[in-house]
Amino acid sequence: MFTAIVLIDADVARIPEVANEVASIPGVDEVFSVTGDIDIIAMVRVKNHEDLATVISDKIGKVPGVLGMTTYLAFQTFSQADLDEAFHIGLD
């Protein structure tokens, strides 16, 4: 599984519409409207590395109201929730 964190600059008048449209794209797992220097954060999770370009450049980047993006690729996940779930199902 490949994970990308996409920081999205959006047209202020269209933030809710952009967020909803981005959230409907297959491969986009979660979308957050946030405060700060950016407007929206999208968590992209895909099975194949090549799918990142399709989801991010071909889909998210073409949503009306997306003004710019910065993308970070995740190397490892460090989540207590993931660890707790693994132990819950018997993985050591």
PDB file of N, CA and C in Angstrom:
ATOM      1  N   MET A   1       0.851  -1.177   0.000  1.00  0.00           N
ATOM      2  CA  MET A   1       0.000   0.000   0.000  1.00  0.00           C
ATOM      3  C   MET A   1       0.897   1.240   0.000  1.00  0.00           C
ATOM      4  N   PHE A   2       0.601   2.185  -0.862  1.00  0.00           N
ATOM      5  CA  PHE A   2       1.328   3.438  -0.943  1.00  0.00           C
ATOM      6  C   PHE A   2       0.430   4.550  -0.411  1.00  0.00           C
ATOM      7  N   THR A   3       1.001   5.388   0.456  1.00  0.00           N
ATOM      8  CA  THR A   3       0.248   6.482   1.062  1.00  0.00           C
ATOM      9  C   THR A   3       0.885   7.810   0.693  1.00  0.00           C
ATOM     10  N   ALA A   4       0.057   8.761   0.296  1.00  0.00           N
ATOM     11  CA  ALA A   4       0.508  10.119   0.012  1.00  0.00           C
ATOM     12  C   ALA A   4      -0.369  11.089   0.788  1.00  0.00           C
ATOM     13  N   ILE A   5       0.274  12.121   1.317  1.00  0.00           N
ATOM     14  CA  ILE A   5      -0.434  13.208   1.987  1.00  0.00           C
ATOM     15  C   ILE A   5      -0.404  14.380   1.017  1.00  0.00           C
ATOM     16  N   VAL A   6      -1.578  14.828   0.585  1.00  0.00           N
ATOM     17  CA  VAL A   6      -1.665  15.880  -0.424  1.00  0.00           C
ATOM     18  C   VAL A   6      -2.214  17.141   0.233  1.00  0.00           C
ATOM     19  N   LEU A   7      -1.387  18.195   0.235  1.00  0.00           N
ATOM     20  CA  LEU A   7      -1.797  19.498   0.748  1.00  0.00           C
ATOM     21  C   LEU A   7      -2.344  20.302  -0.424  1.00  0.00           C
ATOM     22  N   ILE A   8      -3.567  20.758  -0.304  1.00  0.00           N
ATOM     23  CA  ILE A   8      -4.262  21.388  -1.428  1.00  0.00           C
ATOM     24  C   ILE A   8      -4.571  22.843  -1.119  1.00  0.00           C
ATOM     25  N   ASP A   9      -4.139  23.719  -2.023  1.00  0.00           N
ATOM     26  CA  ASP A   9      -4.561  25.122  -1.997  1.00  0.00           C
ATOM     27  C   ASP A   9      -5.804  25.206  -2.869  1.00  0.00           C
ATOM     28  N   ALA A  10      -6.873  25.752  -2.320  1.00  0.00           N
ATOM     29  CA  ALA A  10      -8.135  25.794  -3.054  1.00  0.00           C
ATOM     30  C   ALA A  10      -8.677  27.210  -3.125  1.00  0.00           C
ATOM     31  N   ASP A  11      -9.509  27.443  -4.116  1.00  0.00           N
ATOM     32  CA  ASP A  11     -10.267  28.685  -4.225  1.00  0.00           C
ATOM     33  C   ASP A  11     -11.143  28.774  -2.979  1.00  0.00           C
ATOM     34  N   VAL A  12     -10.982  29.826  -2.209  1.00  0.00           N
ATOM     35  CA  VAL A  12     -11.683  29.970  -0.931  1.00  0.00           C
ATOM     36  C   VAL A  12     -13.196  29.847  -1.097  1.00  0.00           C
ATOM     37  N   ALA A  13     -13.725  30.314  -2.193  1.00  0.00           N
ATOM     38  CA  ALA A  13     -15.172  30.261  -2.423  1.00  0.00           C
ATOM     39  C   ALA A  13     -15.657  28.843  -2.715  1.00  0.00           C
ATOM     40  N   ARG A  14     -14.711  27.909  -2.978  1.00  0.00           N
ATOM     41  CA  ARG A  14     -15.110  26.550  -3.359  1.00  0.00           C
ATOM     42  C   ARG A  14     -14.542  25.470  -2.440  1.00  0.00           C
ATOM     43  N   ILE A  15     -14.056  25.826  -1.265  1.00  0.00           N
ATOM     44  CA  ILE A  15     -13.437  24.827  -0.388  1.00  0.00           C
ATOM     45  C   ILE A  15     -14.360  23.643  -0.109  1.00  0.00           C
ATOM     46  N   PRO A  16     -15.611  23.840   0.286  1.00  0.00           N
ATOM     47  CA  PRO A  16     -16.468  22.666   0.543  1.00  0.00           C
ATOM     48  C   PRO A  16     -16.694  21.809  -0.702  1.00  0.00           C
ATOM     49  N   GLU A  17     -16.888  22.451  -1.845  1.00  0.00           N
ATOM     50  CA  GLU A  17     -17.108  21.708  -3.086  1.00  0.00           C
ATOM     51  C   GLU A  17     -15.848  20.938  -3.505  1.00  0.00           C
ATOM     52  N   VAL A  18     -14.694  21.582  -3.380  1.00  0.00           N
ATOM     53  CA  VAL A  18     -13.429  20.917  -3.710  1.00  0.00           C
ATOM     54  C   VAL A  18     -13.220  19.717  -2.785  1.00  0.00           C
ATOM     55  N   ALA A  19     -13.428  19.918  -1.492  1.00  0.00           N
ATOM     56  CA  ALA A  19     -13.234  18.838  -0.528  1.00  0.00           C
ATOM     57  C   ALA A  19     -14.155  17.654  -0.830  1.00  0.00           C
ATOM     58  N   ASN A  20     -15.415  17.922  -1.140  1.00  0.00           N
ATOM     59  CA  ASN A  20     -16.365  16.851  -1.455  1.00  0.00           C
ATOM     60  C   ASN A  20     -15.997  16.129  -2.741  1.00  0.00           C
ATOM     61  N   GLU A  21     -15.567  16.877  -3.753  1.00  0.00           N
ATOM     62  CA  GLU A  21     -15.202  16.242  -5.017  1.00  0.00           C
ATOM     63  C   GLU A  21     -13.930  15.402  -4.861  1.00  0.00           C
ATOM     64  N   VAL A  22     -12.949  15.926  -4.128  1.00  0.00           N
ATOM     65  CA  VAL A  22     -11.723  15.168  -3.877  1.00  0.00           C
ATOM     66  C   VAL A  22     -12.047  13.898  -3.092  1.00  0.00           C
ATOM     67  N   ALA A  23     -12.924  14.001  -2.106  1.00  0.00           N
ATOM     68  CA  ALA A  23     -13.295  12.840  -1.280  1.00  0.00           C
ATOM     69  C   ALA A  23     -13.975  11.744  -2.099  1.00  0.00           C
ATOM     70  N   SER A  24     -14.585  12.092  -3.209  1.00  0.00           N
ATOM     71  CA  SER A  24     -15.293  11.105  -4.035  1.00  0.00           C
ATOM     72  C   SER A  24     -14.366  10.367  -5.009  1.00  0.00           C
ATOM     73  N   ILE A  25     -13.104  10.757  -5.075  1.00  0.00           N
ATOM     74  CA  ILE A  25     -12.160  10.133  -6.004  1.00  0.00           C
ATOM     75  C   ILE A  25     -11.686   8.797  -5.431  1.00  0.00           C
ATOM     76  N   PRO A  26     -11.794   7.717  -6.206  1.00  0.00           N
ATOM     77  CA  PRO A  26     -11.273   6.430  -5.737  1.00  0.00           C
ATOM     78  C   PRO A  26      -9.765   6.534  -5.440  1.00  0.00           C
ATOM     79  N   GLY A  27      -9.376   6.027  -4.283  1.00  0.00           N
ATOM     80  CA  GLY A  27      -7.986   6.124  -3.845  1.00  0.00           C
ATOM     81  C   GLY A  27      -7.786   7.193  -2.799  1.00  0.00           C
ATOM     82  N   VAL A  28      -8.728   8.119  -2.695  1.00  0.00           N
ATOM     83  CA  VAL A  28      -8.675   9.143  -1.639  1.00  0.00           C
ATOM     84  C   VAL A  28      -9.400   8.562  -0.437  1.00  0.00           C
ATOM     85  N   ASP A  29      -8.647   8.404   0.663  1.00  0.00           N
ATOM     86  CA  ASP A  29      -9.173   7.740   1.848  1.00  0.00           C
ATOM     87  C   ASP A  29      -9.862   8.709   2.808  1.00  0.00           C
ATOM     88  N   GLU A  30      -9.250   9.873   3.004  1.00  0.00           N
ATOM     89  CA  GLU A  30      -9.798  10.883   3.915  1.00  0.00           C
ATOM     90  C   GLU A  30      -9.488  12.268   3.369  1.00  0.00           C
ATOM     91  N   VAL A  31     -10.364  13.221   3.695  1.00  0.00           N
ATOM     92  CA  VAL A  31     -10.165  14.614   3.306  1.00  0.00           C
ATOM     93  C   VAL A  31     -10.509  15.487   4.502  1.00  0.00           C
ATOM     94  N   PHE A  32      -9.632  16.458   4.775  1.00  0.00           N
ATOM     95  CA  PHE A  32      -9.822  17.371   5.902  1.00  0.00           C
ATOM     96  C   PHE A  32      -9.747  18.807   5.417  1.00  0.00           C
ATOM     97  N   SER A  33     -10.684  19.647   5.825  1.00  0.00           N
ATOM     98  CA  SER A  33     -10.493  21.086   5.665  1.00  0.00           C
ATOM     99  C   SER A  33      -9.756  21.543   6.925  1.00  0.00           C
ATOM    100  N   VAL A  34      -8.752  22.393   6.746  1.00  0.00           N
ATOM    101  CA  VAL A  34      -7.869  22.735   7.855  1.00  0.00           C
ATOM    102  C   VAL A  34      -7.598  24.234   7.900  1.00  0.00           C
ATOM    103  N   THR A  35      -7.059  24.661   9.045  1.00  0.00           N
ATOM    104  CA  THR A  35      -6.607  26.035   9.170  1.00  0.00           C
ATOM    105  C   THR A  35      -5.129  26.094   8.795  1.00  0.00           C
ATOM    106  N   GLY A  36      -4.650  27.295   8.546  1.00  0.00           N
ATOM    107  CA  GLY A  36      -3.230  27.456   8.262  1.00  0.00           C
ATOM    108  C   GLY A  36      -2.980  27.878   6.832  1.00  0.00           C
ATOM    109  N   ASP A  37      -1.793  27.549   6.350  1.00  0.00           N
ATOM    110  CA  ASP A  37      -1.347  27.995   5.030  1.00  0.00           C
ATOM    111  C   ASP A  37      -1.996  27.243   3.871  1.00  0.00           C
ATOM    112  N   ILE A  38      -2.609  26.121   4.157  1.00  0.00           N
ATOM    113  CA  ILE A  38      -3.293  25.363   3.116  1.00  0.00           C
ATOM    114  C   ILE A  38      -4.759  25.241   3.487  1.00  0.00           C
ATOM    115  N   ASP A  39      -5.544  24.759   2.550  1.00  0.00           N
ATOM    116  CA  ASP A  39      -6.989  24.706   2.773  1.00  0.00           C
ATOM    117  C   ASP A  39      -7.521  23.302   3.035  1.00  0.00           C
ATOM    118  N   ILE A  40      -6.927  22.311   2.363  1.00  0.00           N
ATOM    119  CA  ILE A  40      -7.446  20.942   2.406  1.00  0.00           C
ATOM    120  C   ILE A  40      -6.269  19.968   2.459  1.00  0.00           C
ATOM    121  N   ILE A  41      -6.423  18.901   3.236  1.00  0.00           N
ATOM    122  CA  ILE A  41      -5.458  17.803   3.239  1.00  0.00           C
ATOM    123  C   ILE A  41      -6.195  16.544   2.802  1.00  0.00           C
ATOM    124  N   ALA A  42      -5.632  15.848   1.824  1.00  0.00           N
ATOM    125  CA  ALA A  42      -6.204  14.584   1.367  1.00  0.00           C
ATOM    126  C   ALA A  42      -5.208  13.459   1.637  1.00  0.00           C
ATOM    127  N   MET A  43      -5.706  12.366   2.186  1.00  0.00           N
ATOM    128  CA  MET A  43      -4.909  11.170   2.400  1.00  0.00           C
ATOM    129  C   MET A  43      -5.219  10.209   1.260  1.00  0.00           C
ATOM    130  N   VAL A  44      -4.200   9.911   0.469  1.00  0.00           N
ATOM    131  CA  VAL A  44      -4.364   9.023  -0.679  1.00  0.00           C
ATOM    132  C   VAL A  44      -3.699   7.698  -0.353  1.00  0.00           C
ATOM    133  N   ARG A  45      -4.422   6.610  -0.555  1.00  0.00           N
ATOM    134  CA  ARG A  45      -3.869   5.270  -0.334  1.00  0.00           C
ATOM    135  C   ARG A  45      -4.223   4.399  -1.533  1.00  0.00           C
ATOM    136  N   VAL A  46      -3.173   3.899  -2.201  1.00  0.00           N
ATOM    137  CA  VAL A  46      -3.361   3.078  -3.395  1.00  0.00           C
ATOM    138  C   VAL A  46      -2.471   1.841  -3.316  1.00  0.00           C
ATOM    139  N   LYS A  47      -2.819   0.814  -4.076  1.00  0.00           N
ATOM    140  CA  LYS A  47      -2.058  -0.437  -4.051  1.00  0.00           C
ATOM    141  C   LYS A  47      -0.791  -0.373  -4.898  1.00  0.00           C
ATOM    142  N   ASN A  48      -0.811   0.389  -5.974  1.00  0.00           N
ATOM    143  CA  ASN A  48       0.313   0.450  -6.897  1.00  0.00           C
ATOM    144  C   ASN A  48       0.898   1.850  -6.960  1.00  0.00           C
ATOM    145  N   HIS A  49       2.213   1.918  -7.010  1.00  0.00           N
ATOM    146  CA  HIS A  49       2.904   3.206  -7.074  1.00  0.00           C
ATOM    147  C   HIS A  49       2.411   4.052  -8.252  1.00  0.00           C
ATOM    148  N   GLU A  50       2.184   3.411  -9.387  1.00  0.00           N
ATOM    149  CA  GLU A  50       1.746   4.122 -10.585  1.00  0.00           C
ATOM    150  C   GLU A  50       0.386   4.788 -10.394  1.00  0.00           C
ATOM    151  N   ASP A  51      -0.435   4.242  -9.504  1.00  0.00           N
ATOM    152  CA  ASP A  51      -1.758   4.809  -9.256  1.00  0.00           C
ATOM    153  C   ASP A  51      -1.689   6.173  -8.575  1.00  0.00           C
ATOM    154  N   LEU A  52      -0.572   6.476  -7.923  1.00  0.00           N
ATOM    155  CA  LEU A  52      -0.429   7.789  -7.282  1.00  0.00           C
ATOM    156  C   LEU A  52      -0.556   8.903  -8.311  1.00  0.00           C
ATOM    157  N   ALA A  53       0.098   8.752  -9.450  1.00  0.00           N
ATOM    158  CA  ALA A  53       0.028   9.783 -10.485  1.00  0.00           C
ATOM    159  C   ALA A  53      -1.392   9.952 -11.006  1.00  0.00           C
ATOM    160  N   THR A  54      -2.089   8.832 -11.178  1.00  0.00           N
ATOM    161  CA  THR A  54      -3.465   8.900 -11.660  1.00  0.00           C
ATOM    162  C   THR A  54      -4.354   9.643 -10.677  1.00  0.00           C
ATOM    163  N   VAL A  55      -4.284   9.264  -9.418  1.00  0.00           N
ATOM    164  CA  VAL A  55      -5.162   9.872  -8.413  1.00  0.00           C
ATOM    165  C   VAL A  55      -4.782  11.333  -8.173  1.00  0.00           C
ATOM    166  N   ILE A  56      -3.487  11.601  -7.994  1.00  0.00           N
ATOM    167  CA  ILE A  56      -3.073  12.951  -7.598  1.00  0.00           C
ATOM    168  C   ILE A  56      -3.064  13.912  -8.777  1.00  0.00           C
ATOM    169  N   SER A  57      -2.317  13.596  -9.816  1.00  0.00           N
ATOM    170  CA  SER A  57      -2.188  14.535 -10.947  1.00  0.00           C
ATOM    171  C   SER A  57      -3.412  14.544 -11.851  1.00  0.00           C
ATOM    172  N   ASP A  58      -3.873  13.347 -12.216  1.00  0.00           N
ATOM    173  CA  ASP A  58      -4.960  13.271 -13.190  1.00  0.00           C
ATOM    174  C   ASP A  58      -6.335  13.540 -12.602  1.00  0.00           C
ATOM    175  N   LYS A  59      -6.519  13.272 -11.302  1.00  0.00           N
ATOM    176  CA  LYS A  59      -7.846  13.447 -10.698  1.00  0.00           C
ATOM    177  C   LYS A  59      -7.903  14.663  -9.775  1.00  0.00           C
ATOM    178  N   ILE A  60      -7.130  14.646  -8.678  1.00  0.00           N
ATOM    179  CA  ILE A  60      -7.189  15.757  -7.716  1.00  0.00           C
ATOM    180  C   ILE A  60      -6.785  17.073  -8.381  1.00  0.00           C
ATOM    181  N   GLY A  61      -5.695  17.031  -9.138  1.00  0.00           N
ATOM    182  CA  GLY A  61      -5.194  18.251  -9.765  1.00  0.00           C
ATOM    183  C   GLY A  61      -6.142  18.886 -10.756  1.00  0.00           C
ATOM    184  N   LYS A  62      -7.104  18.116 -11.244  1.00  0.00           N
ATOM    185  CA  LYS A  62      -8.053  18.632 -12.239  1.00  0.00           C
ATOM    186  C   LYS A  62      -9.413  19.003 -11.648  1.00  0.00           C
ATOM    187  N   VAL A  63      -9.544  18.911 -10.339  1.00  0.00           N
ATOM    188  CA  VAL A  63     -10.799  19.322  -9.704  1.00  0.00           C
ATOM    189  C   VAL A  63     -10.913  20.843  -9.804  1.00  0.00           C
ATOM    190  N   PRO A  64     -12.041  21.359 -10.318  1.00  0.00           N
ATOM    191  CA  PRO A  64     -12.211  22.809 -10.392  1.00  0.00           C
ATOM    192  C   PRO A  64     -12.088  23.437  -9.002  1.00  0.00           C
ATOM    193  N   GLY A  65     -11.252  24.442  -8.893  1.00  0.00           N
ATOM    194  CA  GLY A  65     -11.032  25.118  -7.617  1.00  0.00           C
ATOM    195  C   GLY A  65      -9.726  24.735  -6.947  1.00  0.00           C
ATOM    196  N   VAL A  66      -9.052  23.685  -7.432  1.00  0.00           N
ATOM    197  CA  VAL A  66      -7.728  23.346  -6.919  1.00  0.00           C
ATOM    198  C   VAL A  66      -6.734  24.295  -7.570  1.00  0.00           C
ATOM    199  N   LEU A  67      -6.066  25.091  -6.740  1.00  0.00           N
ATOM    200  CA  LEU A  67      -5.119  26.080  -7.250  1.00  0.00           C
ATOM    201  C   LEU A  67      -3.680  25.570  -7.246  1.00  0.00           C
ATOM    202  N   GLY A  68      -3.387  24.638  -6.349  1.00  0.00           N
ATOM    203  CA  GLY A  68      -2.038  24.083  -6.264  1.00  0.00           C
ATOM    204  C   GLY A  68      -2.008  22.956  -5.257  1.00  0.00           C
ATOM    205  N   MET A  69      -0.949  22.141  -5.342  1.00  0.00           N
ATOM    206  CA  MET A  69      -0.818  20.998  -4.437  1.00  0.00           C
ATOM    207  C   MET A  69       0.647  20.810  -4.063  1.00  0.00           C
ATOM    208  N   THR A  70       0.851  20.273  -2.877  1.00  0.00           N
ATOM    209  CA  THR A  70       2.146  19.773  -2.441  1.00  0.00           C
ATOM    210  C   THR A  70       1.896  18.363  -1.937  1.00  0.00           C
ATOM    211  N   THR A  71       2.722  17.419  -2.383  1.00  0.00           N
ATOM    212  CA  THR A  71       2.492  16.016  -2.051  1.00  0.00           C
ATOM    213  C   THR A  71       3.679  15.450  -1.295  1.00  0.00           C
ATOM    214  N   TYR A  72       3.382  14.718  -0.240  1.00  0.00           N
ATOM    215  CA  TYR A  72       4.391  14.011   0.554  1.00  0.00           C
ATOM    216  C   TYR A  72       4.079  12.521   0.484  1.00  0.00           C
ATOM    217  N   LEU A  73       5.098  11.709   0.166  1.00  0.00           N
ATOM    218  CA  LEU A  73       4.931  10.262   0.157  1.00  0.00           C
ATOM    219  C   LEU A  73       5.376   9.705   1.495  1.00  0.00           C
ATOM    220  N   ALA A  74       4.583   8.818   2.051  1.00  0.00           N
ATOM    221  CA  ALA A  74       4.889   8.227   3.351  1.00  0.00           C
ATOM    222  C   ALA A  74       5.809   7.028   3.164  1.00  0.00           C
ATOM    223  N   PHE A  75       6.839   6.936   4.032  1.00  0.00           N
ATOM    224  CA  PHE A  75       7.739   5.784   4.031  1.00  0.00           C
ATOM    225  C   PHE A  75       7.236   4.707   4.978  1.00  0.00           C
ATOM    226  N   GLN A  76       6.848   5.104   6.189  1.00  0.00           N
ATOM    227  CA  GLN A  76       6.395   4.191   7.224  1.00  0.00           C
ATOM    228  C   GLN A  76       5.236   4.803   7.971  1.00  0.00           C
ATOM    229  N   THR A  77       4.400   3.941   8.543  1.00  0.00           N
ATOM    230  CA  THR A  77       3.293   4.396   9.362  1.00  0.00           C
ATOM    231  C   THR A  77       3.595   4.058  10.815  1.00  0.00           C
ATOM    232  N   PHE A  78       3.464   5.036  11.676  1.00  0.00           N
ATOM    233  CA  PHE A  78       3.640   4.849  13.111  1.00  0.00           C
ATOM    234  C   PHE A  78       2.338   5.272  13.773  1.00  0.00           C
ATOM    235  N   SER A  79       1.469   4.311  14.006  1.00  0.00           N
ATOM    236  CA  SER A  79       0.160   4.611  14.555  1.00  0.00           C
ATOM    237  C   SER A  79      -0.146   3.646  15.688  1.00  0.00           C
ATOM    238  N   GLN A  80      -0.432   4.171  16.852  1.00  0.00           N
ATOM    239  CA  GLN A  80      -0.793   3.322  17.980  1.00  0.00           C
ATOM    240  C   GLN A  80      -2.074   2.555  17.686  1.00  0.00           C
ATOM    241  N   ALA A  81      -3.005   3.167  16.966  1.00  0.00           N
ATOM    242  CA  ALA A  81      -4.253   2.490  16.618  1.00  0.00           C
ATOM    243  C   ALA A  81      -3.972   1.262  15.765  1.00  0.00           C
ATOM    244  N   ASP A  82      -3.049   1.365  14.806  1.00  0.00           N
ATOM    245  CA  ASP A  82      -2.694   0.219  13.974  1.00  0.00           C
ATOM    246  C   ASP A  82      -2.056  -0.880  14.807  1.00  0.00           C
ATOM    247  N   LEU A  83      -1.163  -0.502  15.715  1.00  0.00           N
ATOM    248  CA  LEU A  83      -0.508  -1.489  16.569  1.00  0.00           C
ATOM    249  C   LEU A  83      -1.512  -2.185  17.483  1.00  0.00           C
ATOM    250  N   ASP A  84      -2.419  -1.404  18.080  1.00  0.00           N
ATOM    251  CA  ASP A  84      -3.439  -1.983  18.953  1.00  0.00           C
ATOM    252  C   ASP A  84      -4.314  -2.969  18.184  1.00  0.00           C
ATOM    253  N   GLU A  85      -4.685  -2.641  16.957  1.00  0.00           N
ATOM    254  CA  GLU A  85      -5.524  -3.519  16.144  1.00  0.00           C
ATOM    255  C   GLU A  85      -4.776  -4.801  15.811  1.00  0.00           C
ATOM    256  N   ALA A  86      -3.495  -4.708  15.493  1.00  0.00           N
ATOM    257  CA  ALA A  86      -2.703  -5.898  15.174  1.00  0.00           C
ATOM    258  C   ALA A  86      -2.641  -6.848  16.369  1.00  0.00           C
ATOM    259  N   PHE A  87      -2.422  -6.312  17.559  1.00  0.00           N
ATOM    260  CA  PHE A  87      -2.370  -7.147  18.749  1.00  0.00           C
ATOM    261  C   PHE A  87      -3.748  -7.738  19.058  1.00  0.00           C
ATOM    262  N   HIS A  88      -4.790  -6.993  18.767  1.00  0.00           N
ATOM    263  CA  HIS A  88      -6.151  -7.442  19.012  1.00  0.00           C
ATOM    264  C   HIS A  88      -6.489  -8.693  18.202  1.00  0.00           C
ATOM    265  N   ILE A  89      -5.975  -8.737  16.949  1.00  0.00           N
ATOM    266  CA  ILE A  89      -6.294  -9.896  16.111  1.00  0.00           C
ATOM    267  C   ILE A  89      -5.264 -11.009  16.249  1.00  0.00           C
ATOM    268  N   GLY A  90      -4.306 -10.837  17.152  1.00  0.00           N
ATOM    269  CA  GLY A  90      -3.386 -11.920  17.466  1.00  0.00           C
ATOM    270  C   GLY A  90      -2.048 -11.855  16.770  1.00  0.00           C
ATOM    271  N   LEU A  91      -1.729 -10.759  16.103  1.00  0.00           N
ATOM    272  CA  LEU A  91      -0.416 -10.632  15.471  1.00  0.00           C
ATOM    273  C   LEU A  91       0.595 -10.164  16.495  1.00  0.00           C
ATOM    274  N   ASP A  92       1.775 -10.726  16.486  1.00  0.00           N
ATOM    275  CA  ASP A  92       2.829 -10.322  17.427  1.00  0.00           C
ATOM    276  C   ASP A  92       4.007  -9.769  16.670  1.00  0.00           C
TER     277      ASP A  92
END
